[in-house]
Amino acid sequence: MALDISVRFSNVRREANRNVAGSVKLEVSALGNTYQIDGRDFNFPEGGEQQIYDQDFGPVKVTASVYERPAGQCCIRGHVHVSTPIGGGIGKDLDENCTPIPT
């Protein structure tokens, strides 16, 4: 069973106070279905991290955080689990997805 996860960052920027801000949206494809996961806004201190997901979206459970990598990039890490109707399911850690933070 394949589990594909698409990550889209938008409006990523460095705020005047040096925080990293923007939004991220996930799309999960598994078991012949595609699930649009609610987009989330984030705003965290330079060099920091912010948890943005720890929630069930129907059969899809997402736990994830965004963080700043030293190379001036905003990245996401976490885990996605899709439940099956007969119990169990499939899970996958998010690949390290990053986007540059414009200066």
Protein backbone atom coordinates (compact mmCIF):
# COMPACT_ATOMS: atom_id res chain seq x y z
CA MET A 1 0.00 0.00 0.00
CA ALA A 2 1.42 3.36 -1.02
CA LEU A 3 1.17 6.53 1.01
CA ASP A 4 2.09 9.76 -0.78
CA ILE A 5 2.29 13.12 0.95
CA SER A 6 2.54 16.47 -0.82
CA VAL A 7 3.70 19.54 1.14
CA ARG A 8 3.06 23.10 -0.08
CA PHE A 9 4.48 26.12 1.71
CA SER A 10 3.16 29.59 0.92
CA ASN A 11 3.96 33.16 1.90
CA VAL A 12 7.07 32.10 3.87
CA ARG A 13 8.89 35.19 5.12
CA ARG A 14 11.15 36.66 7.79
CA GLU A 15 9.20 39.10 9.94
CA ALA A 16 10.68 42.40 11.22
CA ASN A 17 11.14 40.76 14.65
CA ARG A 18 13.18 37.95 12.90
CA ASN A 19 10.38 35.37 13.33
CA VAL A 20 9.69 32.90 10.51
CA ALA A 21 6.07 33.12 9.33
CA GLY A 22 3.95 31.63 6.57
CA SER A 23 1.59 28.72 5.98
CA VAL A 24 1.76 25.08 4.96
CA LYS A 25 -0.79 22.68 3.49
CA LEU A 26 -0.67 18.90 3.11
CA GLU A 27 -2.29 16.53 0.65
CA VAL A 28 -2.29 12.82 1.48
CA SER A 29 -2.97 10.07 -1.06
CA ALA A 30 -3.52 6.56 0.26
CA LEU A 31 -5.69 3.53 -0.31
CA GLY A 32 -7.14 5.04 -3.52
CA ASN A 33 -8.25 8.25 -1.78
CA THR A 34 -6.86 11.77 -1.63
CA TYR A 35 -7.27 13.86 1.52
CA GLN A 36 -6.80 17.64 1.63
CA ILE A 37 -5.45 18.48 5.08
CA ASP A 38 -6.34 21.91 6.48
CA GLY A 39 -3.64 24.51 5.86
CA ARG A 40 -1.94 25.90 8.93
CA ASP A 41 -0.34 29.26 9.59
CA PHE A 42 2.86 29.44 11.60
CA ASN A 43 4.96 32.13 13.25
CA PHE A 44 7.92 31.08 15.38
CA PRO A 45 11.18 32.64 16.61
CA GLU A 46 14.31 32.63 14.46
CA GLY A 47 16.05 29.26 14.78
CA GLY A 48 12.99 27.81 16.53
CA GLU A 49 10.21 25.32 15.94
CA GLN A 50 6.40 25.25 16.18
CA GLN A 51 4.05 22.26 16.34
CA ILE A 52 1.29 22.83 13.81
CA TYR A 53 -0.50 19.48 13.61
CA ASP A 54 -1.56 16.93 16.21
CA GLN A 55 -5.00 16.10 14.91
CA ASP A 56 -7.22 13.53 13.20
CA PHE A 57 -8.70 14.49 9.83
CA GLY A 58 -11.18 11.66 9.38
CA PRO A 59 -9.08 8.53 8.81
CA VAL A 60 -5.86 10.59 8.57
CA LYS A 61 -3.87 11.48 11.71
CA VAL A 62 -1.14 14.08 11.31
CA THR A 63 1.53 15.14 13.80
CA ALA A 64 4.01 17.68 12.46
CA SER A 65 6.19 20.67 13.30
CA VAL A 66 7.80 23.39 11.24
CA TYR A 67 11.30 24.58 12.07
CA GLU A 68 14.14 26.72 10.74
CA ARG A 69 17.21 25.02 9.40
CA PRO A 70 20.51 26.91 9.78
CA ALA A 71 20.77 27.32 5.99
CA GLY A 72 17.87 29.84 6.07
CA GLN A 73 15.18 27.34 5.21
CA CYS A 74 11.77 26.60 6.71
CA CYS A 75 11.18 22.84 6.97
CA ILE A 76 8.50 20.43 8.17
CA ARG A 77 8.88 17.09 9.95
CA GLY A 78 6.33 14.71 11.38
CA HIS A 79 4.25 11.60 10.76
CA VAL A 80 1.06 10.74 8.88
CA HIS A 81 -1.07 7.65 9.60
CA VAL A 82 -4.08 6.59 7.54
CA SER A 83 -6.48 4.14 9.19
CA THR A 84 -8.20 1.42 7.18
CA PRO A 85 -11.85 0.39 7.64
CA ILE A 86 -10.81 -3.05 8.90
CA GLY A 87 -8.35 -1.69 11.46
CA GLY A 88 -4.67 -0.98 11.34
CA GLY A 89 -3.57 1.22 8.48
CA ILE A 90 -0.41 2.62 7.00
CA GLY A 91 1.92 5.31 8.24
CA LYS A 92 4.87 7.28 7.00
CA ASP A 93 7.25 9.88 8.36
CA LEU A 94 7.20 13.09 6.37
CA ASP A 95 10.17 13.48 4.07
CA GLU A 96 12.18 16.55 5.00
CA ASN A 97 10.46 19.22 2.92
CA CYS A 98 12.05 22.65 3.03
CA THR A 99 11.60 26.00 1.34
CA PRO A 100 13.95 29.01 1.39
CA ILE A 101 13.12 31.90 3.70
CA PRO A 102 13.43 35.07 1.56
CA THR A 103 15.68 37.70 3.11
